[in-house]
N, C-alpha and C. Protein backbone atom coordinates (compact mmCIF):
# COMPACT_ATOMS: atom_id res chain seq x y z
N UNK A 1 1.59 -3.64 -162.37
CA UNK A 1 1.44 -2.67 -163.44
C UNK A 1 0.91 -3.37 -164.71
N UNK A 2 0.24 -2.60 -165.55
CA UNK A 2 -0.39 -3.18 -166.73
C UNK A 2 0.65 -3.58 -167.77
N UNK A 3 0.38 -4.72 -168.44
CA UNK A 3 1.24 -5.19 -169.53
C UNK A 3 0.76 -4.55 -170.84
N UNK A 4 1.68 -4.51 -171.81
CA UNK A 4 1.34 -3.95 -173.10
C UNK A 4 0.76 -5.05 -173.98
N UNK A 5 -0.45 -4.83 -174.51
CA UNK A 5 -1.15 -5.82 -175.32
C UNK A 5 -1.41 -5.25 -176.71
N UNK A 6 -1.22 -6.08 -177.73
CA UNK A 6 -1.39 -5.62 -179.11
C UNK A 6 -2.75 -6.03 -179.65
N UNK A 7 -3.40 -5.09 -180.33
CA UNK A 7 -4.67 -5.36 -180.99
C UNK A 7 -4.58 -4.86 -182.43
N UNK A 8 -4.85 -5.75 -183.37
CA UNK A 8 -4.81 -5.38 -184.79
C UNK A 8 -6.17 -4.80 -185.19
N UNK A 9 -6.20 -3.51 -185.46
CA UNK A 9 -7.45 -2.84 -185.82
C UNK A 9 -7.56 -2.69 -187.33
N UNK A 10 -8.78 -2.42 -187.77
CA UNK A 10 -9.01 -2.13 -189.19
C UNK A 10 -9.93 -0.93 -189.28
N UNK A 11 -9.83 -0.14 -190.36
CA UNK A 11 -10.66 1.06 -190.48
C UNK A 11 -12.15 0.70 -190.48
N UNK A 12 -12.94 1.54 -189.86
CA UNK A 12 -14.38 1.36 -189.88
C UNK A 12 -14.97 2.30 -190.93
N UNK A 13 -15.60 1.74 -191.93
CA UNK A 13 -16.13 2.55 -193.03
C UNK A 13 -17.64 2.67 -193.02
N UNK A 14 -18.32 1.78 -192.27
CA UNK A 14 -19.78 1.83 -192.18
C UNK A 14 -20.18 2.26 -190.77
N UNK A 15 -21.26 3.04 -190.71
CA UNK A 15 -21.71 3.55 -189.41
C UNK A 15 -23.21 3.32 -189.25
N UNK A 16 -23.69 3.55 -188.04
CA UNK A 16 -25.10 3.32 -187.76
C UNK A 16 -25.30 2.01 -187.01
N UNK A 17 -26.51 1.82 -186.44
CA UNK A 17 -26.80 0.64 -185.64
C UNK A 17 -26.71 -0.65 -186.46
N UNK A 18 -27.21 -0.60 -187.70
CA UNK A 18 -27.16 -1.80 -188.54
C UNK A 18 -25.73 -2.22 -188.82
N UNK A 19 -24.88 -1.25 -189.13
CA UNK A 19 -23.48 -1.55 -189.42
C UNK A 19 -22.78 -2.10 -188.17
N UNK A 20 -23.12 -1.54 -187.01
CA UNK A 20 -22.51 -2.00 -185.76
C UNK A 20 -22.92 -3.44 -185.46
N UNK A 21 -24.20 -3.76 -185.72
CA UNK A 21 -24.66 -5.13 -185.49
C UNK A 21 -23.96 -6.11 -186.43
N UNK A 22 -23.78 -5.71 -187.67
CA UNK A 22 -23.09 -6.59 -188.62
C UNK A 22 -21.63 -6.80 -188.22
N UNK A 23 -21.02 -5.74 -187.73
CA UNK A 23 -19.63 -5.85 -187.30
C UNK A 23 -19.50 -6.82 -186.13
N UNK A 24 -20.40 -6.68 -185.14
CA UNK A 24 -20.33 -7.57 -183.97
C UNK A 24 -20.64 -9.02 -184.37
N UNK A 25 -21.56 -9.19 -185.33
CA UNK A 25 -21.88 -10.54 -185.80
C UNK A 25 -20.67 -11.18 -186.47
N UNK A 26 -19.80 -10.34 -187.03
CA UNK A 26 -18.58 -10.83 -187.69
C UNK A 26 -17.41 -10.95 -186.71
N UNK A 27 -17.68 -10.76 -185.42
CA UNK A 27 -16.62 -10.90 -184.42
C UNK A 27 -15.77 -9.67 -184.25
N UNK A 28 -16.28 -8.50 -184.67
CA UNK A 28 -15.55 -7.24 -184.54
C UNK A 28 -16.26 -6.32 -183.54
N UNK A 29 -15.49 -5.45 -182.90
CA UNK A 29 -16.05 -4.50 -181.95
C UNK A 29 -15.78 -3.08 -182.44
N UNK A 30 -16.81 -2.26 -182.66
CA UNK A 30 -16.60 -0.87 -183.04
C UNK A 30 -15.88 -0.10 -181.94
N UNK A 31 -14.98 0.79 -182.34
CA UNK A 31 -14.22 1.58 -181.36
C UNK A 31 -13.83 2.91 -181.98
N UNK A 32 -13.49 3.87 -181.12
CA UNK A 32 -12.99 5.15 -181.59
C UNK A 32 -11.70 5.45 -180.85
N UNK A 33 -10.71 5.92 -181.59
CA UNK A 33 -9.39 6.23 -181.05
C UNK A 33 -9.21 7.74 -181.09
N UNK A 34 -8.93 8.36 -179.93
CA UNK A 34 -8.85 9.82 -179.88
C UNK A 34 -7.81 10.26 -178.85
N UNK A 35 -7.49 11.58 -178.90
CA UNK A 35 -6.58 12.14 -177.91
C UNK A 35 -5.40 12.85 -178.54
N UNK A 36 -4.74 13.70 -177.74
CA UNK A 36 -3.56 14.46 -178.15
C UNK A 36 -3.84 15.34 -179.36
N UNK A 37 -5.06 15.87 -179.43
CA UNK A 37 -5.40 16.83 -180.46
C UNK A 37 -5.64 16.24 -181.83
N UNK A 38 -5.58 14.91 -181.95
CA UNK A 38 -5.78 14.29 -183.25
C UNK A 38 -7.27 14.09 -183.51
N UNK A 39 -7.63 13.99 -184.78
CA UNK A 39 -9.01 13.72 -185.14
C UNK A 39 -9.38 12.30 -184.70
N UNK A 40 -10.59 12.11 -184.21
CA UNK A 40 -11.01 10.75 -183.82
C UNK A 40 -10.93 9.79 -185.00
N UNK A 41 -10.42 8.59 -184.74
CA UNK A 41 -10.30 7.57 -185.78
C UNK A 41 -11.22 6.41 -185.41
N UNK A 42 -12.15 6.09 -186.31
CA UNK A 42 -13.10 5.00 -186.06
C UNK A 42 -12.52 3.70 -186.60
N UNK A 43 -12.49 2.68 -185.75
CA UNK A 43 -11.88 1.41 -186.13
C UNK A 43 -12.75 0.24 -185.68
N UNK A 44 -12.38 -0.93 -186.15
CA UNK A 44 -12.97 -2.18 -185.69
C UNK A 44 -11.87 -3.00 -185.03
N UNK A 45 -12.17 -3.54 -183.84
CA UNK A 45 -11.19 -4.34 -183.11
C UNK A 45 -11.58 -5.81 -183.14
N UNK A 46 -10.60 -6.70 -183.07
CA UNK A 46 -10.92 -8.14 -183.02
C UNK A 46 -11.65 -8.47 -181.71
N UNK A 47 -12.85 -9.05 -181.84
CA UNK A 47 -13.71 -9.25 -180.68
C UNK A 47 -13.10 -10.04 -179.54
N UNK A 48 -12.62 -11.25 -179.82
CA UNK A 48 -12.11 -12.12 -178.75
C UNK A 48 -10.86 -11.52 -178.10
N UNK A 49 -9.92 -11.06 -178.91
CA UNK A 49 -8.68 -10.49 -178.36
C UNK A 49 -8.96 -9.25 -177.52
N UNK A 50 -9.91 -8.44 -177.96
CA UNK A 50 -10.25 -7.23 -177.20
C UNK A 50 -10.89 -7.59 -175.87
N UNK A 51 -11.80 -8.55 -175.91
CA UNK A 51 -12.46 -8.99 -174.68
C UNK A 51 -11.44 -9.51 -173.67
N UNK A 52 -10.48 -10.29 -174.12
CA UNK A 52 -9.45 -10.84 -173.23
C UNK A 52 -8.56 -9.72 -172.69
N UNK A 53 -8.19 -8.76 -173.55
CA UNK A 53 -7.32 -7.66 -173.12
C UNK A 53 -8.00 -6.79 -172.06
N UNK A 54 -9.30 -6.54 -172.22
CA UNK A 54 -10.00 -5.64 -171.31
C UNK A 54 -10.39 -6.30 -169.99
N UNK A 55 -10.03 -7.57 -169.84
CA UNK A 55 -10.20 -8.20 -168.52
C UNK A 55 -9.18 -7.65 -167.53
N UNK A 56 -8.15 -7.01 -168.07
CA UNK A 56 -7.11 -6.40 -167.23
C UNK A 56 -7.45 -4.91 -167.05
N UNK A 57 -7.78 -4.47 -165.83
CA UNK A 57 -8.09 -3.04 -165.63
C UNK A 57 -6.92 -2.15 -166.06
N UNK A 58 -7.24 -1.07 -166.76
CA UNK A 58 -6.23 -0.10 -167.20
C UNK A 58 -5.13 -0.73 -168.05
N UNK A 59 -5.53 -1.71 -168.87
CA UNK A 59 -4.55 -2.37 -169.74
C UNK A 59 -3.99 -1.38 -170.74
N UNK A 60 -2.67 -1.42 -170.95
CA UNK A 60 -2.01 -0.60 -171.95
C UNK A 60 -2.06 -1.34 -173.27
N UNK A 61 -2.71 -0.74 -174.26
CA UNK A 61 -2.93 -1.39 -175.54
C UNK A 61 -2.08 -0.75 -176.64
N UNK A 62 -1.55 -1.58 -177.51
CA UNK A 62 -0.93 -1.08 -178.73
C UNK A 62 -1.91 -1.34 -179.86
N UNK A 63 -2.49 -0.28 -180.39
CA UNK A 63 -3.47 -0.41 -181.46
C UNK A 63 -2.73 -0.30 -182.79
N UNK A 64 -2.69 -1.40 -183.53
CA UNK A 64 -2.00 -1.43 -184.81
C UNK A 64 -3.01 -1.22 -185.93
N UNK A 65 -2.80 -0.18 -186.72
CA UNK A 65 -3.69 0.15 -187.82
C UNK A 65 -2.84 0.33 -189.07
N UNK A 66 -2.78 -0.72 -189.88
CA UNK A 66 -1.88 -0.68 -191.03
C UNK A 66 -0.44 -0.63 -190.57
N UNK A 67 0.31 0.36 -191.10
CA UNK A 67 1.71 0.52 -190.71
C UNK A 67 1.87 1.37 -189.46
N UNK A 68 0.78 2.00 -189.03
CA UNK A 68 0.83 2.87 -187.85
C UNK A 68 0.40 2.13 -186.59
N UNK A 69 0.84 2.65 -185.46
CA UNK A 69 0.42 2.09 -184.18
C UNK A 69 0.36 3.21 -183.14
N UNK A 70 -0.54 3.04 -182.19
CA UNK A 70 -0.70 4.02 -181.11
C UNK A 70 -0.85 3.28 -179.78
N UNK A 71 -0.27 3.87 -178.73
CA UNK A 71 -0.52 3.36 -177.39
C UNK A 71 -1.83 3.96 -176.90
N UNK A 72 -2.66 3.15 -176.25
CA UNK A 72 -3.96 3.65 -175.79
C UNK A 72 -4.45 2.84 -174.59
N UNK A 73 -5.38 3.44 -173.86
CA UNK A 73 -6.08 2.73 -172.80
C UNK A 73 -7.58 2.89 -173.04
N UNK A 74 -8.36 1.96 -172.55
CA UNK A 74 -9.81 2.03 -172.71
C UNK A 74 -10.38 2.99 -171.66
N UNK A 75 -10.97 4.10 -172.13
CA UNK A 75 -11.56 5.07 -171.21
C UNK A 75 -13.04 4.78 -170.95
N UNK A 76 -13.69 4.12 -171.91
CA UNK A 76 -15.09 3.77 -171.71
C UNK A 76 -15.40 2.50 -172.49
N UNK A 77 -16.01 1.55 -171.81
CA UNK A 77 -16.39 0.28 -172.44
C UNK A 77 -17.89 0.12 -172.30
N UNK A 78 -18.60 0.14 -173.41
CA UNK A 78 -20.06 -0.02 -173.39
C UNK A 78 -20.41 -1.48 -173.61
N UNK A 79 -21.25 -2.01 -172.70
CA UNK A 79 -21.64 -3.42 -172.77
C UNK A 79 -23.16 -3.55 -172.88
N UNK A 80 -23.59 -4.64 -173.48
CA UNK A 80 -25.01 -4.95 -173.51
C UNK A 80 -25.48 -5.20 -172.08
N UNK A 81 -26.56 -4.53 -171.63
CA UNK A 81 -26.98 -4.66 -170.24
C UNK A 81 -27.41 -6.06 -169.83
N UNK A 82 -27.79 -6.89 -170.80
CA UNK A 82 -28.25 -8.25 -170.49
C UNK A 82 -27.14 -9.27 -170.78
N UNK A 83 -26.63 -9.26 -171.99
CA UNK A 83 -25.64 -10.26 -172.40
C UNK A 83 -24.23 -9.92 -171.90
N UNK A 84 -24.01 -8.63 -171.56
CA UNK A 84 -22.72 -8.15 -171.05
C UNK A 84 -21.60 -8.23 -172.08
N UNK A 85 -21.94 -8.44 -173.36
CA UNK A 85 -20.91 -8.43 -174.40
C UNK A 85 -20.52 -6.98 -174.69
N UNK A 86 -19.28 -6.78 -175.14
CA UNK A 86 -18.79 -5.44 -175.44
C UNK A 86 -19.40 -4.95 -176.74
N UNK A 87 -19.99 -3.75 -176.69
CA UNK A 87 -20.62 -3.17 -177.88
C UNK A 87 -19.79 -2.06 -178.51
N UNK A 88 -19.03 -1.34 -177.69
CA UNK A 88 -18.23 -0.23 -178.22
C UNK A 88 -17.15 0.13 -177.20
N UNK A 89 -16.01 0.61 -177.70
CA UNK A 89 -14.91 0.99 -176.83
C UNK A 89 -14.38 2.37 -177.23
N UNK A 90 -14.20 3.24 -176.24
CA UNK A 90 -13.52 4.52 -176.45
C UNK A 90 -12.07 4.35 -176.01
N UNK A 91 -11.15 4.60 -176.92
CA UNK A 91 -9.72 4.42 -176.66
C UNK A 91 -9.02 5.77 -176.59
N UNK A 92 -8.33 6.03 -175.50
CA UNK A 92 -7.58 7.28 -175.32
C UNK A 92 -6.11 7.06 -175.67
N UNK A 93 -5.61 7.84 -176.62
CA UNK A 93 -4.19 7.77 -177.00
C UNK A 93 -3.32 8.30 -175.87
N UNK A 94 -2.27 7.58 -175.52
CA UNK A 94 -1.35 8.01 -174.48
C UNK A 94 0.08 7.95 -175.02
N UNK A 95 0.98 8.64 -174.33
CA UNK A 95 2.39 8.66 -174.74
C UNK A 95 3.27 8.19 -173.58
N UNK A 96 4.40 7.61 -173.90
CA UNK A 96 5.33 7.19 -172.87
C UNK A 96 5.79 8.39 -172.06
N UNK A 97 5.82 8.23 -170.74
CA UNK A 97 6.24 9.31 -169.86
C UNK A 97 5.11 10.23 -169.45
N UNK A 98 3.98 10.15 -170.15
CA UNK A 98 2.83 11.00 -169.84
C UNK A 98 2.11 10.47 -168.60
N UNK A 99 1.66 11.40 -167.74
CA UNK A 99 0.88 11.01 -166.56
C UNK A 99 -0.60 11.26 -166.82
N UNK A 100 -1.41 10.28 -166.47
CA UNK A 100 -2.85 10.40 -166.68
C UNK A 100 -3.59 10.00 -165.40
N UNK A 101 -4.86 10.40 -165.34
CA UNK A 101 -5.70 10.07 -164.19
C UNK A 101 -6.61 8.91 -164.54
N UNK A 102 -6.61 7.89 -163.69
CA UNK A 102 -7.44 6.70 -163.94
C UNK A 102 -8.06 6.23 -162.62
N UNK A 103 -9.12 5.44 -162.74
CA UNK A 103 -9.74 4.79 -161.59
C UNK A 103 -9.19 3.37 -161.49
N UNK A 104 -8.73 3.00 -160.30
CA UNK A 104 -8.13 1.69 -160.09
C UNK A 104 -8.94 0.91 -159.06
N UNK A 105 -9.31 -0.33 -159.35
CA UNK A 105 -10.09 -1.13 -158.39
C UNK A 105 -9.32 -1.37 -157.09
N UNK A 106 -10.06 -1.38 -155.97
CA UNK A 106 -9.49 -1.69 -154.66
C UNK A 106 -9.68 -3.18 -154.38
N UNK A 107 -8.61 -3.84 -153.95
CA UNK A 107 -8.67 -5.27 -153.63
C UNK A 107 -8.27 -5.46 -152.17
N UNK A 108 -9.19 -6.00 -151.36
CA UNK A 108 -8.91 -6.23 -149.95
C UNK A 108 -8.12 -7.52 -149.78
N UNK A 109 -7.08 -7.46 -148.94
CA UNK A 109 -6.27 -8.65 -148.66
C UNK A 109 -6.24 -8.88 -147.16
N UNK A 110 -6.13 -10.17 -146.76
CA UNK A 110 -6.11 -10.51 -145.35
C UNK A 110 -7.52 -10.65 -144.79
N UNK A 111 -7.59 -10.93 -143.48
CA UNK A 111 -8.86 -11.11 -142.80
C UNK A 111 -8.91 -10.23 -141.56
N UNK A 112 -10.05 -9.59 -141.35
CA UNK A 112 -10.22 -8.77 -140.14
C UNK A 112 -10.45 -9.69 -138.95
N UNK A 113 -10.52 -9.10 -137.75
CA UNK A 113 -10.67 -9.86 -136.51
C UNK A 113 -11.90 -10.76 -136.57
N UNK A 114 -11.80 -11.91 -135.93
CA UNK A 114 -12.88 -12.90 -135.96
C UNK A 114 -14.22 -12.30 -135.54
N UNK A 115 -15.25 -12.57 -136.34
CA UNK A 115 -16.60 -12.08 -136.03
C UNK A 115 -16.93 -10.74 -136.66
N UNK A 116 -15.94 -10.10 -137.31
CA UNK A 116 -16.17 -8.80 -137.94
C UNK A 116 -16.26 -8.97 -139.46
N UNK A 117 -16.78 -7.95 -140.12
CA UNK A 117 -16.81 -7.94 -141.58
C UNK A 117 -16.24 -6.60 -142.07
N UNK A 118 -15.73 -6.63 -143.28
CA UNK A 118 -15.17 -5.41 -143.88
C UNK A 118 -16.18 -4.83 -144.86
N UNK A 119 -16.54 -3.57 -144.67
CA UNK A 119 -17.46 -2.86 -145.55
C UNK A 119 -16.64 -2.00 -146.51
N UNK A 120 -16.63 -2.36 -147.80
CA UNK A 120 -15.87 -1.60 -148.79
C UNK A 120 -16.70 -0.41 -149.26
N UNK A 121 -16.32 0.79 -148.85
CA UNK A 121 -17.08 1.99 -149.16
C UNK A 121 -16.68 2.59 -150.52
N UNK A 122 -15.43 2.39 -150.92
CA UNK A 122 -14.95 2.87 -152.23
C UNK A 122 -14.35 1.67 -152.96
N UNK A 123 -15.00 1.23 -154.03
CA UNK A 123 -14.49 0.07 -154.77
C UNK A 123 -13.34 0.44 -155.70
N UNK A 124 -13.16 1.74 -155.96
CA UNK A 124 -12.05 2.20 -156.79
C UNK A 124 -11.43 3.44 -156.14
N UNK A 125 -10.19 3.70 -156.49
CA UNK A 125 -9.51 4.93 -156.10
C UNK A 125 -9.00 5.61 -157.36
N UNK A 126 -9.16 6.93 -157.41
CA UNK A 126 -8.65 7.68 -158.55
C UNK A 126 -7.21 8.08 -158.26
N UNK A 127 -6.33 7.77 -159.22
CA UNK A 127 -4.91 8.05 -159.02
C UNK A 127 -4.33 8.67 -160.28
N UNK A 128 -3.15 9.24 -160.12
CA UNK A 128 -2.38 9.78 -161.24
C UNK A 128 -1.11 8.94 -161.37
N UNK A 129 -0.86 8.43 -162.58
CA UNK A 129 0.31 7.57 -162.79
C UNK A 129 0.76 7.67 -164.24
N UNK A 130 1.97 7.19 -164.50
CA UNK A 130 2.47 7.18 -165.87
C UNK A 130 1.63 6.23 -166.71
N UNK A 131 1.31 6.67 -167.92
CA UNK A 131 0.42 5.89 -168.78
C UNK A 131 0.95 4.49 -169.06
N UNK A 132 2.27 4.34 -169.07
CA UNK A 132 2.85 3.04 -169.36
C UNK A 132 3.11 2.22 -168.10
N UNK A 133 2.71 2.75 -166.93
CA UNK A 133 2.90 2.02 -165.67
C UNK A 133 1.66 2.19 -164.79
N UNK A 134 0.51 1.83 -165.33
CA UNK A 134 -0.73 1.97 -164.58
C UNK A 134 -0.98 0.72 -163.73
N UNK A 135 -1.33 0.91 -162.45
CA UNK A 135 -1.64 -0.26 -161.62
C UNK A 135 -2.98 -0.87 -162.02
N UNK A 136 -3.07 -2.20 -161.99
CA UNK A 136 -4.33 -2.87 -162.28
C UNK A 136 -5.24 -2.87 -161.06
N UNK A 137 -4.65 -3.05 -159.89
CA UNK A 137 -5.42 -3.02 -158.63
C UNK A 137 -4.59 -2.33 -157.56
N UNK A 138 -5.27 -1.87 -156.53
CA UNK A 138 -4.59 -1.33 -155.34
C UNK A 138 -4.99 -2.20 -154.17
N UNK A 139 -4.01 -2.84 -153.56
CA UNK A 139 -4.29 -3.75 -152.44
C UNK A 139 -4.36 -2.97 -151.13
N UNK A 140 -5.38 -3.29 -150.33
CA UNK A 140 -5.57 -2.68 -149.02
C UNK A 140 -5.67 -3.81 -148.00
N UNK A 141 -4.74 -3.85 -147.05
CA UNK A 141 -4.72 -4.92 -146.05
C UNK A 141 -5.68 -4.62 -144.90
N UNK A 142 -6.51 -5.61 -144.58
CA UNK A 142 -7.40 -5.49 -143.42
C UNK A 142 -7.03 -6.53 -142.36
N UNK A 143 -5.87 -7.13 -142.51
CA UNK A 143 -5.44 -8.21 -141.62
C UNK A 143 -5.49 -7.79 -140.15
N UNK A 144 -6.30 -8.52 -139.36
CA UNK A 144 -6.36 -8.32 -137.92
C UNK A 144 -7.08 -7.08 -137.45
N UNK A 145 -7.66 -6.30 -138.33
CA UNK A 145 -8.35 -5.08 -137.91
C UNK A 145 -9.60 -5.43 -137.10
N UNK A 146 -9.86 -4.65 -136.04
CA UNK A 146 -10.97 -4.94 -135.14
C UNK A 146 -12.16 -4.03 -135.42
N UNK A 147 -13.27 -4.33 -134.76
CA UNK A 147 -14.51 -3.57 -134.92
C UNK A 147 -14.25 -2.08 -134.70
N UNK A 148 -14.76 -1.26 -135.63
CA UNK A 148 -14.60 0.19 -135.51
C UNK A 148 -13.42 0.74 -136.29
N UNK A 149 -12.53 -0.13 -136.75
CA UNK A 149 -11.37 0.34 -137.51
C UNK A 149 -11.81 0.89 -138.86
N UNK A 150 -11.13 1.93 -139.31
CA UNK A 150 -11.44 2.56 -140.59
C UNK A 150 -10.15 2.86 -141.35
N UNK A 151 -10.23 2.76 -142.65
CA UNK A 151 -9.09 3.11 -143.50
C UNK A 151 -9.56 4.16 -144.49
N UNK A 152 -8.88 5.31 -144.49
CA UNK A 152 -9.22 6.38 -145.42
C UNK A 152 -8.25 6.37 -146.60
N UNK A 153 -8.65 7.02 -147.67
CA UNK A 153 -7.85 7.00 -148.90
C UNK A 153 -6.41 7.44 -148.67
N UNK A 154 -6.23 8.46 -147.83
CA UNK A 154 -4.89 8.97 -147.58
C UNK A 154 -4.00 8.00 -146.83
N UNK A 155 -4.59 6.95 -146.24
CA UNK A 155 -3.82 5.96 -145.48
C UNK A 155 -3.44 4.75 -146.32
N UNK A 156 -3.95 4.68 -147.54
CA UNK A 156 -3.68 3.53 -148.41
C UNK A 156 -2.28 3.65 -149.00
N UNK A 157 -1.52 2.57 -148.92
CA UNK A 157 -0.18 2.55 -149.49
C UNK A 157 -0.28 2.33 -151.00
N UNK A 158 0.25 3.27 -151.77
CA UNK A 158 0.17 3.20 -153.23
C UNK A 158 1.49 2.70 -153.82
N UNK A 159 1.43 2.10 -155.01
CA UNK A 159 2.67 1.66 -155.67
C UNK A 159 3.58 2.85 -155.95
N UNK A 160 4.85 2.60 -156.11
CA UNK A 160 5.82 3.66 -156.40
C UNK A 160 5.44 4.40 -157.67
N UNK A 161 5.53 5.73 -157.61
CA UNK A 161 5.23 6.55 -158.77
C UNK A 161 3.77 6.86 -158.98
N UNK A 162 2.91 6.37 -158.08
CA UNK A 162 1.47 6.59 -158.20
C UNK A 162 1.02 7.61 -157.15
N UNK A 163 0.26 8.62 -157.57
CA UNK A 163 -0.21 9.66 -156.67
C UNK A 163 -1.73 9.57 -156.51
N UNK A 164 -2.21 9.85 -155.31
CA UNK A 164 -3.64 9.80 -155.03
C UNK A 164 -4.34 11.04 -155.56
N UNK A 165 -5.46 10.82 -156.27
CA UNK A 165 -6.28 11.93 -156.75
C UNK A 165 -7.61 11.99 -155.99
N UNK A 166 -8.03 10.88 -155.41
CA UNK A 166 -9.23 10.84 -154.58
C UNK A 166 -9.01 11.66 -153.32
N UNK A 167 -10.08 12.22 -152.75
CA UNK A 167 -10.01 12.96 -151.50
C UNK A 167 -9.37 12.07 -150.42
N UNK A 168 -8.27 12.51 -149.79
CA UNK A 168 -7.60 11.69 -148.78
C UNK A 168 -8.50 11.30 -147.61
N UNK A 169 -9.55 12.11 -147.36
CA UNK A 169 -10.45 11.84 -146.24
C UNK A 169 -11.55 10.84 -146.61
N UNK A 170 -11.63 10.46 -147.86
CA UNK A 170 -12.68 9.52 -148.30
C UNK A 170 -12.51 8.18 -147.60
N UNK A 171 -13.61 7.65 -147.06
CA UNK A 171 -13.57 6.36 -146.36
C UNK A 171 -13.52 5.23 -147.39
N UNK A 172 -12.52 4.38 -147.25
CA UNK A 172 -12.36 3.26 -148.18
C UNK A 172 -12.93 1.97 -147.58
N UNK A 173 -12.55 1.67 -146.34
CA UNK A 173 -12.99 0.43 -145.68
C UNK A 173 -13.37 0.73 -144.24
N UNK A 174 -14.45 0.11 -143.78
CA UNK A 174 -14.85 0.20 -142.38
C UNK A 174 -15.07 -1.21 -141.86
N UNK A 175 -14.53 -1.49 -140.67
CA UNK A 175 -14.68 -2.81 -140.05
C UNK A 175 -15.80 -2.73 -139.02
N UNK A 176 -16.73 -3.67 -139.11
CA UNK A 176 -17.87 -3.65 -138.20
C UNK A 176 -18.23 -5.07 -137.78
N UNK A 177 -19.03 -5.18 -136.69
CA UNK A 177 -19.52 -6.47 -136.23
C UNK A 177 -21.00 -6.57 -136.56
N UNK A 178 -21.41 -7.56 -137.32
CA UNK A 178 -22.83 -7.70 -137.68
C UNK A 178 -23.69 -7.90 -136.44
N UNK A 179 -24.86 -7.25 -136.42
CA UNK A 179 -25.79 -7.45 -135.32
C UNK A 179 -26.57 -8.74 -135.54
N UNK A 180 -26.82 -9.49 -134.46
CA UNK A 180 -27.61 -10.72 -134.58
C UNK A 180 -29.08 -10.36 -134.72
N UNK A 181 -29.88 -11.30 -135.22
CA UNK A 181 -31.31 -11.05 -135.41
C UNK A 181 -32.01 -10.82 -134.09
N UNK A 182 -31.52 -11.46 -133.01
CA UNK A 182 -32.15 -11.28 -131.69
C UNK A 182 -31.92 -9.87 -131.18
N UNK A 183 -30.72 -9.31 -131.45
CA UNK A 183 -30.44 -7.95 -131.01
C UNK A 183 -31.34 -6.97 -131.75
N UNK A 184 -31.53 -7.19 -133.06
CA UNK A 184 -32.38 -6.31 -133.85
C UNK A 184 -33.81 -6.37 -133.35
N UNK A 185 -34.29 -7.60 -132.96
CA UNK A 185 -35.65 -7.76 -132.47
C UNK A 185 -35.84 -7.04 -131.15
N UNK A 186 -34.84 -7.17 -130.26
CA UNK A 186 -34.93 -6.52 -128.96
C UNK A 186 -35.00 -5.00 -129.11
N UNK A 187 -34.15 -4.45 -130.01
CA UNK A 187 -34.15 -3.01 -130.21
C UNK A 187 -35.48 -2.54 -130.79
N UNK A 188 -36.04 -3.33 -131.70
CA UNK A 188 -37.32 -2.97 -132.28
C UNK A 188 -38.41 -3.00 -131.24
N UNK A 189 -38.34 -4.01 -130.35
CA UNK A 189 -39.35 -4.12 -129.29
C UNK A 189 -39.27 -2.96 -128.32
N UNK A 190 -38.04 -2.54 -127.99
CA UNK A 190 -37.88 -1.41 -127.08
C UNK A 190 -38.44 -0.14 -127.68
N UNK A 191 -38.27 0.01 -128.98
CA UNK A 191 -38.76 1.21 -129.65
C UNK A 191 -40.27 1.25 -129.73
N UNK A 192 -40.93 0.08 -129.73
CA UNK A 192 -42.37 0.03 -129.88
C UNK A 192 -43.09 0.08 -128.54
N UNK A 193 -42.40 -0.13 -127.43
CA UNK A 193 -43.04 -0.19 -126.12
C UNK A 193 -43.89 1.03 -125.80
N UNK A 194 -43.41 2.27 -125.97
CA UNK A 194 -44.22 3.44 -125.63
C UNK A 194 -45.50 3.49 -126.44
N UNK A 195 -45.45 3.12 -127.73
CA UNK A 195 -46.63 3.18 -128.58
C UNK A 195 -47.66 2.17 -128.11
N UNK A 196 -47.22 0.99 -127.64
CA UNK A 196 -48.15 -0.04 -127.18
C UNK A 196 -48.86 0.37 -125.92
N UNK A 197 -48.26 1.24 -125.11
CA UNK A 197 -48.84 1.64 -123.84
C UNK A 197 -49.92 2.69 -124.02
N UNK A 198 -49.93 3.36 -125.17
CA UNK A 198 -50.89 4.45 -125.36
C UNK A 198 -52.35 4.02 -125.28
N UNK A 199 -52.79 2.90 -125.90
CA UNK A 199 -54.19 2.50 -125.81
C UNK A 199 -54.63 2.25 -124.37
N UNK A 200 -53.75 1.66 -123.54
CA UNK A 200 -54.10 1.39 -122.15
C UNK A 200 -54.31 2.69 -121.41
N UNK A 201 -53.45 3.67 -121.67
CA UNK A 201 -53.59 4.95 -120.99
C UNK A 201 -54.88 5.63 -121.38
N UNK A 202 -55.27 5.52 -122.69
CA UNK A 202 -56.51 6.13 -123.14
C UNK A 202 -57.71 5.47 -122.49
N UNK A 203 -57.68 4.12 -122.31
CA UNK A 203 -58.79 3.41 -121.69
C UNK A 203 -58.97 3.83 -120.24
N UNK A 204 -57.87 4.00 -119.52
CA UNK A 204 -57.94 4.43 -118.11
C UNK A 204 -58.54 5.81 -118.01
N UNK A 205 -58.20 6.68 -118.97
CA UNK A 205 -58.73 8.04 -118.97
C UNK A 205 -60.22 8.04 -119.20
N UNK A 206 -60.72 7.13 -120.09
CA UNK A 206 -62.16 7.06 -120.37
C UNK A 206 -62.92 6.58 -119.15
N UNK A 207 -62.38 5.58 -118.42
CA UNK A 207 -63.04 5.06 -117.23
C UNK A 207 -63.16 6.13 -116.18
N UNK A 208 -62.13 6.93 -116.03
CA UNK A 208 -62.15 7.98 -115.02
C UNK A 208 -63.22 9.01 -115.35
N UNK A 209 -63.39 9.26 -116.66
CA UNK A 209 -64.37 10.26 -117.06
C UNK A 209 -65.80 9.77 -116.78
N UNK A 210 -66.06 8.43 -116.92
CA UNK A 210 -67.38 7.90 -116.63
C UNK A 210 -67.69 7.97 -115.14
């Protein structure tokens, strides 16, 4: 489950791309805090501390703004497509005891049968859980599974108090045996055989006509 992390925020008084660039240059990250019917509050977060906190999926954050504080989770994190640095964060206010819907990363544990590989079809599962007890990852065991084995969302064991929101029939993991290059070549050759025979048949037809 996610730990509670504190971030000291400060009010954001300047807006626009230029102001955002200056804030990031000063080691601050623009963010907006919203939820529970309150007006959105624009703040600046400490860059390094925020980056470290958001390495934990679904981290529960305590946003301290002056004498006030709010519990929140990051609902959207915008990153630079090249540098991958955080450019902006949307923070959703949550309350203790409240249940919310979040996407949780799937982590495969164990090894499937020798010679097989595990194909992860869903990298996350959507679940409903208490805001103060959100899982960071959901572990799915593939230990000893053989070729053809499949695990659907409804078969995944979830932590206590966590409910599945993803379609139970959704395929999460499929175990398969990779085809060798020789097998692929043979299949391709078999598929091309009829086409290769066509010119010979046409030549025989022309000779008969002469």
